[in-house]
Amino acid sequence: MNPSRTEEKQIEELVGIQVPTREEMAEIEVSSRLYFERGAHYMTANIIYAVDTPEPQSTAITFVLSEKHLITVRYAEPRAMRLFLTRANQGDTPCDSPVSVMIGLLEAIIDRESYLIERLQLETEKIAQTIFDMKGGQRSRTGRYDITLKQIGRVGEISARVRESLLSLGRVVTYLSQVVVLRQDVEEVRQRLRTEEKDVQSLSDHIHYLTNRINFMLDATLGMVTIEQNQIIKLFSVAAVMLMPPTLIASIYGMNFKNMPELAWEWGYPMALGLMVASAIGFYAYFRRRGWL
């Protein structure tokens, strides 16, 4: 846990296994995350931690597995580690070999990520209800759309981290399954790994479904924002069309040509005003009948 270079060298001298540095753990190539060296198998996975907080984080954890030892190198303390220790102290998980300990750790990690996916699903349900049951005036809805978009973005970011973590976990479990087959470990170990493979695949399918739903909610929210904007533009367009005839009438009688007989009429001014009002009311009635208002 947060090893210094001195501590890494002490471990290397004690067990004869090279400990990867933090820079090496950050490499994303599969060949740099899953490999065999000096009698030990190195497996690095991105793990989600701080699952109970509003903003879960991810960190890289390296498992170094040999015949006699299991070393974990990490720079954060996921709660899955404490969960595994609790299970081990209660005798709920086998700890009779390094590979059994690693499988127990992976089970605890998968359980924690499963809990996070369940929480994401609940948050997604709440956001969906907010989107499709939104009421109130245009101004209040616009403010809530802004909040909803931020919520969707946050859930989408967390789901992306979970997908990345499950992908790396799936690779580690698959690699470990091949290792136990080559080492001819007991059937119980192989069965536990097959169960973990199924669990990771099931969680991956579920987070894929949630990701699609989050994208749908994002599209729906943006579509509703567009509808609100179109409604405002439509009102301005209708108002402009309604004012066009009165503007035309006012422009004609504002030219003041000499030969305009209406200028001399006693009722010319009321007539022009009446034409303006009548034309505006006529267009308003037409728009109402067509359902544009």
Protein backbone atom coordinates (compact mmCIF):
# COMPACT_ATOMS: atom_id res chain seq x y z
CA MET A 1 0.00 0.00 0.00
CA ASN A 2 1.69 3.21 -1.25
CA PRO A 3 5.13 1.54 -1.26
CA SER A 4 8.29 3.60 -1.36
CA ARG A 5 11.17 2.51 -3.57
CA THR A 6 13.02 1.27 -0.47
CA GLU A 7 10.07 -0.90 0.52
CA GLU A 8 9.83 -2.28 -3.01
CA LYS A 9 13.49 -3.30 -2.91
CA GLN A 10 13.00 -4.97 0.49
CA ILE A 11 10.12 -7.04 -0.86
CA GLU A 12 12.13 -7.95 -3.96
CA GLU A 13 15.02 -9.19 -1.81
CA LEU A 14 12.68 -11.04 0.56
CA VAL A 15 10.67 -13.05 -1.99
CA GLY A 16 12.87 -12.77 -5.09
CA ILE A 17 10.11 -11.18 -7.17
CA GLN A 18 10.33 -7.85 -8.96
CA VAL A 19 7.70 -5.33 -7.81
CA PRO A 20 6.29 -3.13 -10.60
CA THR A 21 6.52 0.63 -10.20
CA ARG A 22 3.54 2.95 -10.33
CA GLU A 23 4.54 4.05 -13.84
CA GLU A 24 4.64 0.45 -15.03
CA MET A 25 1.21 -0.21 -13.52
CA ALA A 26 -0.22 2.74 -15.47
CA GLU A 27 0.69 1.27 -18.87
CA ILE A 28 -2.37 0.25 -20.86
CA GLU A 29 -0.90 -2.40 -23.18
CA VAL A 30 -2.20 -5.88 -22.42
CA SER A 31 1.35 -7.24 -22.59
CA SER A 32 2.33 -4.80 -19.82
CA ARG A 33 -0.60 -5.78 -17.60
CA LEU A 34 -0.69 -9.56 -17.99
CA TYR A 35 2.66 -11.34 -18.20
CA PHE A 36 4.93 -13.98 -16.65
CA GLU A 37 8.38 -13.11 -15.31
CA ARG A 38 10.87 -14.86 -13.01
CA GLY A 39 8.42 -17.49 -11.84
CA ALA A 40 5.58 -15.08 -11.08
CA HIS A 41 2.45 -14.00 -12.93
CA TYR A 42 1.74 -10.25 -13.03
CA MET A 43 -1.86 -9.10 -13.43
CA THR A 44 -2.97 -5.46 -13.29
CA ALA A 45 -6.60 -4.33 -13.20
CA ASN A 46 -8.37 -0.99 -12.83
CA ILE A 47 -10.50 -1.16 -9.70
CA ILE A 48 -13.34 1.15 -8.67
CA TYR A 49 -13.09 2.38 -5.09
CA ALA A 50 -14.94 4.89 -2.89
CA VAL A 51 -18.10 3.23 -4.18
CA ASP A 52 -20.22 4.66 -1.34
CA THR A 53 -19.30 8.27 -2.20
CA PRO A 54 -21.03 10.45 -4.83
CA GLU A 55 -17.88 10.38 -6.98
CA PRO A 56 -16.31 6.88 -7.15
CA GLN A 57 -12.69 6.76 -8.31
CA SER A 58 -10.61 4.15 -10.12
CA THR A 59 -7.10 2.95 -9.37
CA ALA A 60 -4.73 0.32 -10.73
CA ILE A 61 -3.96 -2.72 -8.56
CA THR A 62 -1.31 -5.25 -9.52
CA PHE A 63 -1.47 -8.87 -8.36
CA VAL A 64 1.87 -10.70 -8.35
CA LEU A 65 1.18 -14.44 -8.02
CA SER A 66 3.86 -17.07 -7.46
CA GLU A 67 3.81 -20.61 -6.11
CA LYS A 68 4.26 -19.44 -2.50
CA HIS A 69 3.25 -15.76 -2.43
CA LEU A 70 0.61 -13.29 -3.49
CA ILE A 71 1.63 -9.63 -3.51
CA THR A 72 -0.78 -6.78 -4.20
CA VAL A 73 0.62 -3.38 -5.15
CA ARG A 74 -1.82 -0.49 -4.84
CA TYR A 75 -1.94 3.25 -4.21
CA ALA A 76 -5.48 3.39 -2.84
CA GLU A 77 -7.39 1.31 -0.31
CA PRO A 78 -10.59 -0.08 -1.87
CA ARG A 79 -13.16 -1.25 0.62
CA ALA A 80 -13.09 -4.62 -1.16
CA MET A 81 -9.78 -5.31 0.58
CA ARG A 82 -11.34 -4.85 4.02
CA LEU A 83 -14.38 -6.85 2.92
CA PHE A 84 -12.11 -9.75 1.96
CA LEU A 85 -10.28 -9.60 5.30
CA THR A 86 -13.61 -9.74 7.13
CA ARG A 87 -14.69 -12.78 5.16
CA ALA A 88 -11.31 -14.45 5.70
CA ASN A 89 -11.42 -13.87 9.46
CA GLN A 90 -14.92 -15.35 9.56
CA GLY A 91 -13.82 -18.36 7.49
CA ASP A 92 -16.21 -17.52 4.66
CA THR A 93 -13.54 -17.72 1.94
CA PRO A 94 -10.69 -20.22 1.50
CA CYS A 95 -7.20 -18.87 2.17
CA ASP A 96 -5.17 -22.07 1.91
CA SER A 97 -3.07 -20.95 -1.08
CA PRO A 98 -1.97 -17.74 -2.84
CA VAL A 99 -4.34 -18.37 -5.74
CA SER A 100 -7.26 -18.91 -3.31
CA VAL A 101 -6.49 -15.58 -1.66
CA MET A 102 -6.41 -13.85 -5.04
CA ILE A 103 -9.72 -15.40 -6.06
CA GLY A 104 -11.22 -14.21 -2.76
CA LEU A 105 -9.97 -10.69 -3.42
CA LEU A 106 -11.44 -10.73 -6.92
CA GLU A 107 -14.78 -11.94 -5.55
CA ALA A 108 -14.85 -9.04 -3.08
CA ILE A 109 -13.96 -6.56 -5.84
CA ILE A 110 -16.69 -7.93 -8.12
CA ASP A 111 -19.23 -7.71 -5.27
CA ARG A 112 -18.40 -4.05 -4.70
CA GLU A 113 -18.71 -3.23 -8.39
CA SER A 114 -22.02 -5.08 -8.48
CA TYR A 115 -23.24 -2.83 -5.64
CA LEU A 116 -22.15 0.25 -7.60
CA ILE A 117 -24.01 -0.93 -10.71
CA GLU A 118 -27.17 -1.43 -8.64
CA ARG A 119 -26.82 2.12 -7.32
CA LEU A 120 -26.31 3.46 -10.85
CA GLN A 121 -29.47 1.71 -11.96
CA LEU A 122 -31.49 3.35 -9.17
CA GLU A 123 -30.07 6.78 -10.07
CA THR A 124 -30.86 6.15 -13.73
CA GLU A 125 -34.47 5.32 -12.84
CA LYS A 126 -34.82 8.55 -10.86
CA ILE A 127 -33.35 10.64 -13.68
CA ALA A 128 -35.68 8.99 -16.22
CA GLN A 129 -38.71 9.85 -14.08
CA THR A 130 -37.48 13.44 -13.77
CA ILE A 131 -37.13 13.78 -17.54
CA PHE A 132 -40.48 12.36 -18.60
CA ASP A 133 -42.57 13.71 -15.71
CA MET A 134 -41.21 17.24 -15.78
CA LYS A 135 -43.91 19.87 -15.24
CA GLY A 136 -44.08 23.57 -14.58
CA GLY A 137 -43.46 26.70 -16.61
CA GLN A 138 -40.93 27.03 -19.37
CA ARG A 139 -38.51 28.89 -17.16
CA SER A 140 -38.57 26.32 -14.37
CA ARG A 141 -38.27 23.43 -16.85
CA THR A 142 -35.23 25.04 -18.46
CA GLY A 143 -33.47 25.22 -15.10
CA ARG A 144 -34.29 21.60 -14.37
CA TYR A 145 -33.06 20.50 -17.81
CA ASP A 146 -29.71 22.03 -16.92
CA ILE A 147 -29.57 20.04 -13.67
CA THR A 148 -30.71 16.88 -15.42
CA LEU A 149 -27.98 17.14 -18.05
CA LYS A 150 -25.37 17.42 -15.30
CA GLN A 151 -26.82 14.36 -13.55
CA ILE A 152 -26.78 12.36 -16.78
CA GLY A 153 -23.19 13.40 -17.43
CA ARG A 154 -22.13 12.30 -13.95
CA VAL A 155 -23.84 8.90 -14.20
CA GLY A 156 -22.41 8.42 -17.68
CA GLU A 157 -18.89 9.14 -16.45
CA ILE A 158 -19.20 6.65 -13.59
CA SER A 159 -20.64 3.97 -15.89
CA ALA A 160 -17.70 4.47 -18.26
CA ARG A 161 -15.27 3.86 -15.39
CA VAL A 162 -17.18 0.75 -14.38
CA ARG A 163 -17.04 -0.60 -17.94
CA GLU A 164 -13.29 -0.01 -18.04
CA SER A 165 -12.87 -1.73 -14.69
CA LEU A 166 -14.96 -4.74 -15.70
CA LEU A 167 -13.00 -5.05 -18.93
CA SER A 168 -9.69 -5.19 -17.07
CA LEU A 169 -11.16 -7.54 -14.43
CA GLY A 170 -12.41 -9.85 -17.17
CA ARG A 171 -8.93 -10.02 -18.67
CA VAL A 172 -7.38 -10.78 -15.27
CA VAL A 173 -9.90 -13.56 -14.54
CA THR A 174 -9.40 -15.08 -18.00
CA TYR A 175 -5.62 -14.97 -17.62
CA LEU A 176 -5.81 -16.46 -14.12
CA SER A 177 -8.07 -19.25 -15.43
CA GLN A 178 -5.40 -20.19 -17.95
CA VAL A 179 -2.76 -20.09 -15.20
CA VAL A 180 -4.64 -22.50 -12.91
CA VAL A 181 -5.20 -24.88 -15.81
CA LEU A 182 -1.47 -24.90 -16.63
CA ARG A 183 -0.60 -25.37 -12.97
CA GLN A 184 -3.25 -28.09 -12.63
CA ASP A 185 -4.82 -26.55 -9.56
CA VAL A 186 -7.74 -28.28 -7.86
CA GLU A 187 -11.19 -28.32 -9.48
CA GLU A 188 -12.64 -26.11 -6.74
CA VAL A 189 -10.32 -23.27 -7.78
CA ARG A 190 -11.26 -23.67 -11.43
CA GLN A 191 -14.96 -23.69 -10.57
CA ARG A 192 -14.66 -20.47 -8.56
CA LEU A 193 -12.92 -18.80 -11.50
CA ARG A 194 -15.60 -19.98 -13.93
CA THR A 195 -18.19 -18.45 -11.61
CA GLU A 196 -16.25 -15.18 -11.54
CA GLU A 197 -16.04 -15.15 -15.34
CA LYS A 198 -19.82 -15.50 -15.53
CA ASP A 199 -20.31 -12.76 -12.92
CA VAL A 200 -18.02 -10.33 -14.76
CA GLN A 201 -19.76 -11.08 -18.06
CA SER A 202 -23.18 -10.59 -16.48
CA LEU A 203 -22.14 -7.25 -14.95
CA SER A 204 -20.60 -6.18 -18.28
CA ASP A 205 -23.89 -6.90 -20.07
CA HIS A 206 -25.82 -4.97 -17.43
CA ILE A 207 -23.55 -1.92 -17.54
CA HIS A 208 -23.80 -2.02 -21.35
CA TYR A 209 -27.60 -1.87 -21.00
CA LEU A 210 -27.32 1.03 -18.54
CA THR A 211 -24.96 2.87 -20.88
CA ASN A 212 -27.46 2.57 -23.73
CA ARG A 213 -30.22 3.82 -21.47
CA ILE A 214 -28.12 6.76 -20.30
CA ASN A 215 -27.44 7.68 -23.94
CA PHE A 216 -31.19 7.46 -24.63
CA MET A 217 -31.94 9.77 -21.69
CA LEU A 218 -29.31 12.21 -22.93
CA ASP A 219 -30.89 12.24 -26.39
CA ALA A 220 -34.36 12.63 -24.89
CA THR A 221 -33.29 15.56 -22.70
CA LEU A 222 -31.56 17.32 -25.58
CA GLY A 223 -34.65 16.69 -27.72
CA MET A 224 -36.91 18.29 -25.11
CA VAL A 225 -34.57 21.26 -24.82
CA THR A 226 -34.78 21.63 -28.61
CA ILE A 227 -38.59 21.48 -28.43
CA GLU A 228 -38.59 24.27 -25.82
CA GLN A 229 -36.32 26.37 -28.02
CA ASN A 230 -38.50 25.71 -31.08
CA GLN A 231 -41.57 26.74 -29.10
CA ILE A 232 -39.97 30.08 -28.26
CA ILE A 233 -38.87 30.63 -31.86
CA LYS A 234 -42.36 29.73 -33.08
CA LEU A 235 -43.94 32.34 -30.80
CA PHE A 236 -41.59 35.01 -32.13
CA SER A 237 -42.32 33.94 -35.70
CA VAL A 238 -46.08 34.05 -35.16
CA ALA A 239 -45.80 37.48 -33.53
CA ALA A 240 -43.75 38.74 -36.47
CA VAL A 241 -46.32 37.46 -39.01
CA MET A 242 -49.21 38.98 -37.03
CA LEU A 243 -47.51 42.38 -37.03
CA MET A 244 -46.65 42.34 -40.73
CA PRO A 245 -50.08 43.57 -42.06
CA PRO A 246 -50.39 46.36 -39.47
CA THR A 247 -46.83 47.40 -40.28
CA LEU A 248 -47.64 47.39 -43.99
CA ILE A 249 -50.76 49.54 -43.47
CA ALA A 250 -48.87 51.98 -41.25
CA SER A 251 -46.07 52.19 -43.84
CA ILE A 252 -48.48 52.93 -46.69
CA TYR A 253 -50.27 55.73 -44.87
CA GLY A 254 -47.03 57.11 -43.54
CA MET A 255 -45.72 57.98 -47.03
CA ASN A 256 -47.67 61.32 -47.19
CA PHE A 257 -47.95 61.51 -50.96
CA LYS A 258 -50.03 64.44 -52.28
CA ASN A 259 -52.54 62.28 -54.13
CA MET A 260 -53.66 60.06 -51.24
CA PRO A 261 -57.42 60.65 -50.89
CA GLU A 262 -57.59 58.83 -47.55
CA LEU A 263 -55.49 61.56 -45.91
CA ALA A 264 -58.38 63.98 -46.33
CA TRP A 265 -61.05 61.61 -45.00
CA GLU A 266 -62.53 62.48 -41.65
CA TRP A 267 -62.57 58.79 -40.64
CA GLY A 268 -59.27 57.93 -42.34
CA TYR A 269 -57.28 57.64 -39.14
CA PRO A 270 -59.81 55.36 -37.35
CA MET A 271 -60.08 53.31 -40.55
CA ALA A 272 -56.29 52.71 -40.66
CA LEU A 273 -56.22 51.73 -37.00
CA GLY A 274 -59.18 49.39 -37.53
CA LEU A 275 -57.45 47.72 -40.49
CA MET A 276 -54.35 47.17 -38.36
CA VAL A 277 -56.30 45.61 -35.48
CA ALA A 278 -58.49 43.53 -37.78
CA SER A 279 -55.53 42.11 -39.71
CA ALA A 280 -53.72 41.18 -36.48
CA ILE A 281 -56.84 39.53 -35.02
CA GLY A 282 -57.45 37.68 -38.30
CA PHE A 283 -53.99 36.14 -38.33
CA TYR A 284 -54.28 35.30 -34.61
CA ALA A 285 -57.58 33.47 -35.20
CA TYR A 286 -56.07 31.61 -38.15
CA PHE A 287 -53.07 30.44 -36.10
CA ARG A 288 -55.34 29.34 -33.25
CA ARG A 289 -57.52 27.33 -35.61
CA ARG A 290 -54.46 25.57 -37.07
CA GLY A 291 -53.19 24.74 -33.57
CA TRP A 292 -49.99 26.76 -33.88
CA LEU A 293 -50.66 28.65 -30.65
